[in-house]
Amino acid sequence: MPKPLDSKMKAVYFLALFIVMGVAATYFLSGQSSFLAPFSDVFRSIIAGVALFSSLFALRNYWVNLESTLSRIWLCFTIGMAFWFLSQLSWTVQTLVFNVRNPYPSIADVYRLVGYSALFGAIFVYMGIFQPVISKKIVTAAVTVALPTSAGVIPSILLAARGMMSQVNPATMLVSIAYPIFDLLLLGQAMLGLLVFTTTKLKGRVGTVWLLLKAGIVMNVFGDLLLSYTNLNGIYYEGHPLELFFHLGYVFFALAFYSHTKEL
C-alpha cells in the first residue's frame, strides 16, 4: 500500500497547486497584454529550474557511485533536466536579451532534444531493475496506449505541414515532428513503469511517482503537439496558453522526483 502523505509532502502538493492556479490565472486574465510575453519567457526558466533542483535533490539522496544503478538512473534524470533547463534558459536569453522573436528552431531546441536521450536512458535503466516482473501482457498494454496516441498525433502534425513545405524550412519541419515522436516514446516507457508499479507484486511501491512522471510526459505530448501545429501555421506567440502544458509538465516532473525520495 502507498505510504500516507506526511505534513511536508502535503505542503509540497499544496504549494504546487497554488503555483499552477496562479500561473493559469495569469495567462487567462492577462490575455495578450505586454506583461504576459516577458512573464512567460522568465517563468519557463524558473519552473524548469525547479524541476532540475528536484532531480538534483533526488540524485544527492541516491548517489553512491557510477557502479550503483540508482546513481546512474538519477544522474541520467538530472542530465535530462539540466539540458531542458538550458533549453528554457537559452530561450529566455534570446527573447529578453537579444530580442529574438520566437526563436524556433534554435539552440534551445538542440538542448531540449539532447535532454530526451538522457531521460530515455534513465527510464530504460530503471525498468531494467524490474525486468523479471515485466510480462508480455504489461508490454502489450503499454504499446496499446502509445500506438493509438501516435496514430492521432503524428498525422495531425503532417496534416498541418501539408501544402506548407515551400514555406517552412527543413529545420523547423524536422523539429516540429521530432518533439511529438520523442514525447510518445517517453510516454510508452512511462506507461510501462506505471503498469509495473500498479498491477504487479510491486504495487504501491512508487506508483504515485510513475503516475506523476506519466502526467508530466502527457503534458509535454499535448504541449509539443500544439507548439508544432501553431508554429507550422504561424500563429504561435510568446505567452500563448499552450505554454501551460509545459509549465504543468515541469511541475509534475518536480513532484515525481521529490516524491520518489519519500516513497522508496
Protein backbone atom coordinates (compact mmCIF):
# COMPACT_ATOMS: atom_id res chain seq x y z
CA MET A 1 0.00 0.00 0.00
CA PRO A 2 1.21 3.57 -0.70
CA LYS A 3 2.60 5.39 2.29
CA PRO A 4 0.27 8.06 3.72
CA LEU A 5 1.33 11.61 2.96
CA ASP A 6 3.24 13.32 5.73
CA SER A 7 2.73 17.01 6.51
CA LYS A 8 5.78 18.07 4.48
CA MET A 9 4.61 16.19 1.39
CA LYS A 10 1.11 17.65 1.74
CA ALA A 11 2.64 21.13 1.92
CA VAL A 12 4.60 20.45 -1.27
CA TYR A 13 1.46 19.35 -3.12
CA PHE A 14 -0.49 22.38 -1.91
CA LEU A 15 2.37 24.68 -2.98
CA ALA A 16 2.39 23.06 -6.42
CA LEU A 17 -1.38 23.52 -6.70
CA PHE A 18 -1.07 27.17 -5.67
CA ILE A 19 1.64 27.80 -8.29
CA VAL A 20 -0.36 26.08 -11.04
CA MET A 21 -3.53 28.03 -10.23
CA GLY A 22 -1.61 31.31 -10.02
CA VAL A 23 0.17 30.81 -13.34
CA ALA A 24 -3.03 29.68 -15.08
CA ALA A 25 -4.85 32.77 -13.77
CA THR A 26 -2.02 34.98 -15.01
CA TYR A 27 -2.30 33.57 -18.54
CA PHE A 28 -6.06 33.73 -18.81
CA LEU A 29 -6.56 37.08 -17.09
CA SER A 30 -3.72 38.87 -18.87
CA GLY A 31 -4.88 37.98 -22.38
CA GLN A 32 -2.20 39.17 -24.82
CA SER A 33 -1.02 42.08 -22.69
CA SER A 34 2.55 43.34 -22.90
CA PHE A 35 3.21 41.85 -19.48
CA LEU A 36 2.49 38.24 -20.46
CA ALA A 37 5.28 37.72 -23.00
CA PRO A 38 8.19 38.61 -20.67
CA PHE A 39 6.45 36.77 -17.82
CA SER A 40 6.27 33.59 -19.88
CA ASP A 41 9.89 33.99 -21.03
CA VAL A 42 11.12 34.26 -17.42
CA PHE A 43 8.77 31.75 -15.82
CA ARG A 44 9.71 28.96 -18.24
CA SER A 45 13.30 29.14 -16.91
CA ILE A 46 12.17 29.33 -13.29
CA ILE A 47 9.89 26.28 -13.44
CA ALA A 48 12.48 24.28 -15.40
CA GLY A 49 15.00 25.24 -12.71
CA VAL A 50 12.63 23.91 -10.03
CA ALA A 51 12.43 20.55 -11.84
CA LEU A 52 16.22 20.48 -12.16
CA PHE A 53 16.66 21.28 -8.46
CA SER A 54 14.22 18.48 -7.57
CA SER A 55 16.18 15.98 -9.68
CA LEU A 56 19.42 17.15 -8.04
CA PHE A 57 17.83 16.60 -4.63
CA ALA A 58 16.95 13.03 -5.62
CA LEU A 59 20.43 12.48 -7.11
CA ARG A 60 22.03 13.62 -3.86
CA ASN A 61 19.73 11.30 -1.93
CA TYR A 62 20.56 8.21 -4.03
CA TRP A 63 24.14 8.88 -5.14
CA VAL A 64 26.74 6.28 -4.22
CA ASN A 65 28.98 5.90 -7.27
CA LEU A 66 28.69 5.20 -11.01
CA GLU A 67 28.53 1.47 -10.34
CA SER A 68 25.26 1.97 -8.44
CA THR A 69 22.20 1.50 -10.65
CA LEU A 70 20.16 4.07 -8.74
CA SER A 71 23.05 6.54 -9.02
CA ARG A 72 23.12 6.12 -12.82
CA ILE A 73 19.36 6.44 -13.06
CA TRP A 74 19.22 9.72 -11.17
CA LEU A 75 22.31 11.03 -12.90
CA CYS A 76 20.51 10.49 -16.22
CA PHE A 77 17.33 12.15 -14.93
CA THR A 78 19.38 15.11 -13.72
CA ILE A 79 21.29 15.41 -17.01
CA GLY A 80 17.99 15.36 -18.88
CA MET A 81 16.52 18.07 -16.67
CA ALA A 82 19.76 20.09 -16.94
CA PHE A 83 19.53 20.13 -20.74
CA TRP A 84 15.85 21.06 -20.56
CA PHE A 85 16.72 23.87 -18.17
CA LEU A 86 19.43 25.08 -20.57
CA SER A 87 16.82 24.94 -23.33
CA GLN A 88 14.44 27.20 -21.41
CA LEU A 89 17.23 29.50 -20.23
CA SER A 90 18.59 29.96 -23.76
CA TRP A 91 15.06 30.79 -24.96
CA THR A 92 14.76 33.39 -22.19
CA VAL A 93 18.12 34.94 -23.08
CA GLN A 94 17.36 35.02 -26.80
CA THR A 95 13.99 36.70 -26.31
CA LEU A 96 14.75 39.12 -23.47
CA VAL A 97 18.41 39.95 -24.12
CA PHE A 98 18.77 39.65 -27.88
CA ASN A 99 15.12 40.47 -28.74
CA VAL A 100 14.72 37.41 -30.95
CA ARG A 101 11.02 36.87 -31.51
CA ASN A 102 10.01 33.20 -31.21
CA PRO A 103 13.48 31.60 -31.57
CA TYR A 104 12.20 28.37 -33.11
CA PRO A 105 14.13 26.38 -34.05
CA SER A 106 17.29 27.46 -32.23
CA ILE A 107 19.93 26.22 -29.82
CA ALA A 108 17.12 25.92 -27.27
CA ASP A 109 15.65 23.08 -29.32
CA VAL A 110 19.04 21.36 -29.59
CA TYR A 111 19.36 21.34 -25.79
CA ARG A 112 15.83 20.02 -25.35
CA LEU A 113 16.18 17.24 -27.92
CA VAL A 114 19.51 16.15 -26.39
CA GLY A 115 17.83 16.05 -23.00
CA TYR A 116 15.41 13.39 -24.24
CA SER A 117 18.24 10.88 -24.70
CA ALA A 118 19.18 11.15 -21.01
CA LEU A 119 15.54 10.71 -19.95
CA PHE A 120 15.19 7.67 -22.23
CA GLY A 121 18.30 6.21 -20.60
CA ALA A 122 17.04 6.88 -17.07
CA ILE A 123 13.70 5.12 -17.58
CA PHE A 124 15.30 2.27 -19.57
CA VAL A 125 17.81 1.51 -16.79
CA TYR A 126 15.09 1.89 -14.15
CA MET A 127 12.86 -0.65 -15.90
CA GLY A 128 15.83 -2.99 -16.27
CA ILE A 129 15.88 -3.43 -12.48
CA PHE A 130 12.36 -4.87 -12.57
CA GLN A 131 12.64 -6.86 -15.79
CA PRO A 132 11.60 -10.15 -14.09
CA VAL A 133 8.11 -8.78 -13.36
CA ILE A 134 7.60 -7.20 -16.78
CA SER A 135 5.36 -9.64 -18.61
CA LYS A 136 4.30 -9.65 -22.25
CA LYS A 137 0.86 -8.56 -21.07
CA ILE A 138 2.29 -5.41 -19.47
CA VAL A 139 4.37 -4.59 -22.55
CA THR A 140 1.32 -5.10 -24.78
CA ALA A 141 -0.77 -2.81 -22.58
CA ALA A 142 1.90 -0.08 -22.72
CA VAL A 143 2.16 -0.36 -26.51
CA THR A 144 -1.63 -0.33 -26.78
CA VAL A 145 -1.65 3.09 -25.12
CA ALA A 146 1.30 4.55 -27.04
CA LEU A 147 0.46 3.40 -30.57
CA PRO A 148 -3.10 4.83 -30.79
CA THR A 149 -1.76 8.10 -29.40
CA SER A 150 0.93 8.09 -32.09
CA ALA A 151 -1.71 7.40 -34.71
CA GLY A 152 -3.51 10.54 -33.61
CA VAL A 153 -0.52 12.84 -33.06
CA ILE A 154 1.84 12.23 -35.98
CA PRO A 155 -0.79 12.50 -38.76
CA SER A 156 -2.01 15.74 -37.15
CA ILE A 157 1.47 17.26 -37.46
CA LEU A 158 1.88 16.03 -41.04
CA LEU A 159 -1.56 17.40 -41.92
CA ALA A 160 -0.58 20.80 -40.55
CA ALA A 161 2.57 20.68 -42.66
CA ARG A 162 0.80 19.64 -45.85
CA GLY A 163 0.93 22.31 -48.50
CA MET A 164 3.45 24.33 -46.47
CA MET A 165 6.64 22.56 -47.50
CA SER A 166 7.75 25.51 -49.60
CA GLN A 167 7.12 27.99 -46.75
CA VAL A 168 8.67 26.09 -43.83
CA ASN A 169 12.41 25.45 -43.71
CA PRO A 170 13.60 21.85 -43.19
CA ALA A 171 14.92 22.55 -39.68
CA THR A 172 11.53 23.78 -38.48
CA MET A 173 9.81 20.80 -40.06
CA LEU A 174 12.27 18.34 -38.52
CA VAL A 175 12.00 19.83 -35.01
CA SER A 176 8.20 20.06 -35.23
CA ILE A 177 7.95 16.34 -35.96
CA ALA A 178 10.78 15.22 -33.65
CA TYR A 179 9.22 16.63 -30.47
CA PRO A 180 5.95 14.65 -30.60
CA ILE A 181 7.79 11.46 -31.60
CA PHE A 182 10.22 11.72 -28.67
CA ASP A 183 7.37 12.54 -26.30
CA LEU A 184 5.44 9.47 -27.41
CA LEU A 185 8.48 7.23 -26.91
CA LEU A 186 8.78 8.60 -23.37
CA LEU A 187 5.04 8.07 -22.89
CA GLY A 188 5.38 4.40 -23.79
CA GLN A 189 8.27 3.97 -21.34
CA ALA A 190 6.42 5.78 -18.54
CA MET A 191 3.28 3.74 -19.18
CA LEU A 192 5.35 0.58 -18.78
CA GLY A 193 6.67 1.83 -15.45
CA LEU A 194 3.22 2.84 -14.25
CA LEU A 195 1.83 -0.62 -15.02
CA VAL A 196 4.73 -2.33 -13.25
CA PHE A 197 4.08 -0.41 -10.05
CA THR A 198 0.29 -0.58 -10.14
CA THR A 199 -0.51 -4.09 -11.46
CA THR A 200 2.30 -6.38 -10.26
CA LYS A 201 3.53 -7.56 -6.86
CA LEU A 202 5.37 -4.22 -6.67
CA LYS A 203 2.02 -2.43 -6.48
CA GLY A 204 2.10 0.55 -4.14
CA ARG A 205 5.89 0.97 -4.06
CA VAL A 206 6.35 4.07 -6.22
CA GLY A 207 3.10 4.08 -8.17
CA THR A 208 2.46 7.74 -7.38
CA VAL A 209 5.87 8.64 -8.77
CA TRP A 210 5.17 6.96 -12.09
CA LEU A 211 1.70 8.47 -12.26
CA LEU A 212 3.30 11.91 -11.85
CA LEU A 213 6.00 11.11 -14.43
CA LYS A 214 3.36 9.95 -16.89
CA ALA A 215 1.32 13.10 -16.25
CA GLY A 216 4.40 15.23 -16.93
CA ILE A 217 5.08 13.42 -20.18
CA VAL A 218 1.42 13.67 -21.26
CA MET A 219 1.57 17.43 -20.68
CA ASN A 220 4.61 17.56 -22.97
CA VAL A 221 2.80 15.47 -25.62
CA PHE A 222 -0.05 17.98 -25.73
CA GLY A 223 2.30 20.96 -25.47
CA ASP A 224 4.61 19.81 -28.24
CA LEU A 225 1.71 18.85 -30.49
CA LEU A 226 0.15 22.31 -30.11
CA LEU A 227 3.52 24.07 -30.36
CA SER A 228 4.38 22.23 -33.56
CA TYR A 229 0.94 22.95 -35.03
CA THR A 230 0.92 26.64 -34.11
CA ASN A 231 4.49 27.21 -35.31
CA LEU A 232 3.84 25.48 -38.63
CA ASN A 233 0.77 27.67 -39.10
CA GLY A 234 2.50 30.86 -37.90
CA ILE A 235 0.04 31.55 -35.08
CA TYR A 236 2.25 30.94 -32.04
CA TYR A 237 3.17 33.92 -29.87
CA GLU A 238 5.05 34.29 -26.58
CA GLY A 239 2.56 33.92 -23.76
CA HIS A 240 0.30 31.55 -25.71
CA PRO A 241 -1.90 29.47 -23.35
CA LEU A 242 -0.40 26.26 -24.75
CA GLU A 243 2.70 27.05 -22.66
CA LEU A 244 0.69 25.99 -19.61
CA PHE A 245 1.12 22.37 -20.72
CA PHE A 246 4.91 22.72 -20.47
CA HIS A 247 4.70 24.50 -17.12
CA LEU A 248 2.44 21.76 -15.77
CA GLY A 249 4.83 19.16 -17.13
CA TYR A 250 7.73 20.63 -15.17
CA VAL A 251 5.59 20.77 -12.02
CA PHE A 252 4.69 17.08 -12.39
CA PHE A 253 8.34 16.16 -13.01
CA ALA A 254 9.46 18.10 -9.94
CA LEU A 255 6.79 16.40 -7.80
CA ALA A 256 7.72 12.96 -9.17
CA PHE A 257 11.42 13.38 -8.39
CA TYR A 258 10.78 14.71 -4.89
CA SER A 259 8.08 12.11 -4.15
CA HIS A 260 10.44 9.30 -5.13
CA THR A 261 12.75 10.18 -2.25
CA LYS A 262 9.79 9.81 0.13
CA GLU A 263 8.33 6.59 -1.29
CA LEU A 264 11.47 4.49 -1.74
